[in-house]
Amino acid sequence: MQKTPPAERAASQPIGPPPDAQNALLRLTEIMDGLEAIVVEETALVRAGKLKSASLLMPKKTELSNLYFKTVEQLRAQKLMSRAVPQEASALARRHEKLHATLKTNLMVLATAHAVSEGIMRRLSGDLARKACPGVYGASGRTVAPDPRRAPPLALSRTL
């Protein structure tokens, strides 16, 4: 085995001392806890159909998400975590997996709510188009469905 020269050993030392890395880890964990709490609350509100209340969480969720990504990028750029506290870096990886599972659930609930609301709007638009067109009989003697491309557009007010 070759011995590493002292200069190379010094260069391979962590960028910051372990207390700095632990502080960074603590800060990131606090951000992740806050983000997870907001996401869980939003998920519960959307499941309950309280979309207005869920939308009020958006500014805080956006702020925590931005802070989370900035903090992670800073840690990646400095390569601080894996060098300074490798044991805690693995704990952070497990914490990321937990947050990822929570976000996945949230995205499924939001996608379901989006699909349901889109289906309601399409159905409403179709009903309004059928009521706006006169009922006429075609050459076969059956009523003709209105052309959906000629239906008047449906306007939605978000201020109500």
Protein backbone atom coordinates (compact mmCIF):
# COMPACT_ATOMS: atom_id res chain seq x y z
CA MET A 1 0.00 0.00 0.00
CA GLN A 2 1.13 3.50 -0.76
CA LYS A 3 0.99 6.19 1.86
CA THR A 4 -0.88 9.33 0.96
CA PRO A 5 1.28 12.47 1.16
CA PRO A 6 0.14 14.99 3.82
CA ALA A 7 -0.78 17.59 1.17
CA GLU A 8 -3.14 15.17 -0.57
CA ARG A 9 -4.63 14.11 2.76
CA ALA A 10 -5.37 17.76 3.59
CA ALA A 11 -7.01 18.28 0.20
CA SER A 12 -9.30 15.30 0.74
CA GLN A 13 -10.54 16.60 4.10
CA PRO A 14 -14.14 17.83 4.36
CA ILE A 15 -14.84 21.33 3.09
CA GLY A 16 -16.34 22.39 6.39
CA PRO A 17 -15.94 21.00 9.86
CA PRO A 18 -18.51 18.40 10.97
CA PRO A 19 -20.44 20.88 13.17
CA ASP A 20 -21.16 23.00 10.05
CA ALA A 21 -22.32 19.91 8.20
CA GLN A 22 -24.51 18.92 11.12
CA ASN A 23 -26.03 22.40 11.22
CA ALA A 24 -26.72 22.19 7.49
CA LEU A 25 -28.27 18.76 7.96
CA LEU A 26 -30.43 20.04 10.80
CA ARG A 27 -31.58 23.01 8.69
CA LEU A 28 -32.42 20.78 5.73
CA THR A 29 -34.30 18.36 7.98
CA GLU A 30 -36.36 21.24 9.43
CA ILE A 31 -37.20 22.44 5.92
CA MET A 32 -38.21 18.92 4.87
CA ASP A 33 -40.39 18.52 7.99
CA GLY A 34 -42.17 21.79 7.25
CA LEU A 35 -42.64 20.90 3.59
CA GLU A 36 -43.97 17.47 4.46
CA ALA A 37 -46.44 18.93 6.97
CA ILE A 38 -47.76 21.38 4.36
CA VAL A 39 -48.06 18.63 1.73
CA VAL A 40 -49.89 16.29 4.13
CA GLU A 41 -52.29 19.08 5.07
CA GLU A 42 -52.88 19.96 1.41
CA THR A 43 -53.52 16.31 0.58
CA ALA A 44 -56.09 16.01 3.37
CA LEU A 45 -57.86 19.19 2.30
CA VAL A 46 -58.03 18.17 -1.36
CA ARG A 47 -59.34 14.72 -0.40
CA ALA A 48 -62.04 16.43 1.68
CA GLY A 49 -62.94 18.64 -1.29
CA LYS A 50 -61.81 21.85 0.43
CA LEU A 51 -59.94 23.20 -2.57
CA LYS A 52 -60.16 26.84 -1.49
CA SER A 53 -58.45 26.03 1.83
CA ALA A 54 -55.87 23.92 0.03
CA SER A 55 -55.07 26.76 -2.35
CA LEU A 56 -54.28 29.02 0.61
CA LEU A 57 -51.34 26.73 1.45
CA MET A 58 -49.69 27.37 -1.92
CA PRO A 59 -47.50 30.37 -0.93
CA LYS A 60 -46.01 28.56 2.07
CA LYS A 61 -45.54 25.38 0.05
CA THR A 62 -43.79 27.33 -2.72
CA GLU A 63 -41.54 29.12 -0.23
CA LEU A 64 -40.51 25.87 1.48
CA SER A 65 -39.98 24.11 -1.85
CA ASN A 66 -37.70 26.88 -3.09
CA LEU A 67 -35.77 26.89 0.18
CA TYR A 68 -35.47 23.11 0.02
CA PHE A 69 -34.07 23.10 -3.52
CA LYS A 70 -31.65 25.95 -2.79
CA THR A 71 -30.36 24.22 0.33
CA VAL A 72 -29.92 20.89 -1.44
CA GLU A 73 -28.08 22.56 -4.33
CA GLN A 74 -25.76 24.35 -1.92
CA LEU A 75 -24.95 21.10 -0.16
CA ARG A 76 -24.38 19.32 -3.46
CA ALA A 77 -22.13 22.09 -4.73
CA GLN A 78 -20.02 21.97 -1.59
CA LYS A 79 -20.20 18.17 -1.33
CA LEU A 80 -20.43 18.88 2.36
CA MET A 81 -22.68 16.11 3.59
CA SER A 82 -21.04 13.02 2.16
CA ARG A 83 -17.58 14.15 3.21
CA ALA A 84 -18.25 15.62 6.64
CA VAL A 85 -20.89 13.31 8.11
CA PRO A 86 -21.38 10.22 5.94
CA GLN A 87 -23.52 8.43 8.54
CA GLU A 88 -25.94 11.33 8.70
CA ALA A 89 -25.97 11.57 4.92
CA SER A 90 -27.47 8.08 4.80
CA ALA A 91 -30.10 9.14 7.37
CA LEU A 92 -30.85 12.12 5.13
CA ALA A 93 -31.29 9.77 2.17
CA ARG A 94 -33.88 7.79 4.15
CA ARG A 95 -35.63 11.05 5.06
CA HIS A 96 -35.71 11.98 1.37
CA GLU A 97 -37.39 8.66 0.59
CA LYS A 98 -40.10 9.40 3.18
CA LEU A 99 -40.67 12.87 1.70
CA HIS A 100 -40.75 11.37 -1.79
CA ALA A 101 -43.50 8.93 -0.74
CA THR A 102 -45.54 11.79 0.75
CA LEU A 103 -45.13 13.85 -2.42
CA LYS A 104 -46.12 10.89 -4.57
CA THR A 105 -49.36 10.49 -2.60
CA ASN A 106 -50.00 14.23 -2.88
CA LEU A 107 -49.49 14.18 -6.64
CA MET A 108 -51.89 11.25 -7.05
CA VAL A 109 -54.58 13.07 -5.04
CA LEU A 110 -54.05 16.27 -7.04
CA ALA A 111 -54.16 14.37 -10.34
CA THR A 112 -57.39 12.69 -9.29
CA ALA A 113 -58.95 16.02 -8.31
CA HIS A 114 -57.82 17.50 -11.63
CA ALA A 115 -59.29 14.62 -13.62
CA VAL A 116 -62.60 14.80 -11.74
CA SER A 117 -62.92 18.56 -12.17
CA GLU A 118 -62.00 18.31 -15.85
CA GLY A 119 -64.64 15.62 -16.33
CA ILE A 120 -67.25 17.81 -14.62
CA MET A 121 -66.37 20.77 -16.82
CA ARG A 122 -66.49 18.69 -20.01
CA ARG A 123 -69.85 17.24 -19.04
CA LEU A 124 -71.22 20.69 -18.16
CA SER A 125 -69.96 22.13 -21.44
CA GLY A 126 -71.57 19.29 -23.39
CA ASP A 127 -74.87 19.72 -21.55
CA LEU A 128 -74.89 23.45 -22.24
CA ALA A 129 -74.08 22.85 -25.92
CA ARG A 130 -76.99 20.39 -26.24
CA LYS A 131 -79.38 22.87 -24.63
CA ALA A 132 -78.19 25.72 -26.86
CA CYS A 133 -78.81 23.80 -30.11
CA PRO A 134 -82.27 23.07 -31.36
CA GLY A 135 -83.35 19.45 -31.41
CA VAL A 136 -83.62 18.44 -35.05
CA TYR A 137 -84.06 15.15 -36.80
CA GLY A 138 -81.55 13.85 -39.28
CA ALA A 139 -82.09 11.92 -42.51
CA SER A 140 -82.42 8.67 -40.57
CA GLY A 141 -85.23 10.03 -38.43
CA ARG A 142 -83.13 10.25 -35.29
CA THR A 143 -82.12 13.38 -33.41
CA VAL A 144 -78.77 14.80 -34.40
CA ALA A 145 -76.21 15.57 -31.69
CA PRO A 146 -74.83 19.11 -31.76
CA ASP A 147 -71.37 19.62 -33.15
CA PRO A 148 -69.08 20.15 -30.13
CA ARG A 149 -66.81 22.42 -32.19
CA ARG A 150 -69.62 24.88 -32.72
CA ALA A 151 -70.61 25.08 -29.07
CA PRO A 152 -70.13 28.43 -27.36
CA PRO A 153 -67.13 28.51 -25.03
CA LEU A 154 -67.65 27.93 -21.34
CA ALA A 155 -66.41 30.72 -19.07
CA LEU A 156 -65.34 30.08 -15.50
CA SER A 157 -65.01 32.70 -12.79
CA ARG A 158 -62.43 31.84 -10.12
CA THR A 159 -63.44 34.73 -7.87
CA LEU A 160 -66.56 33.06 -6.54
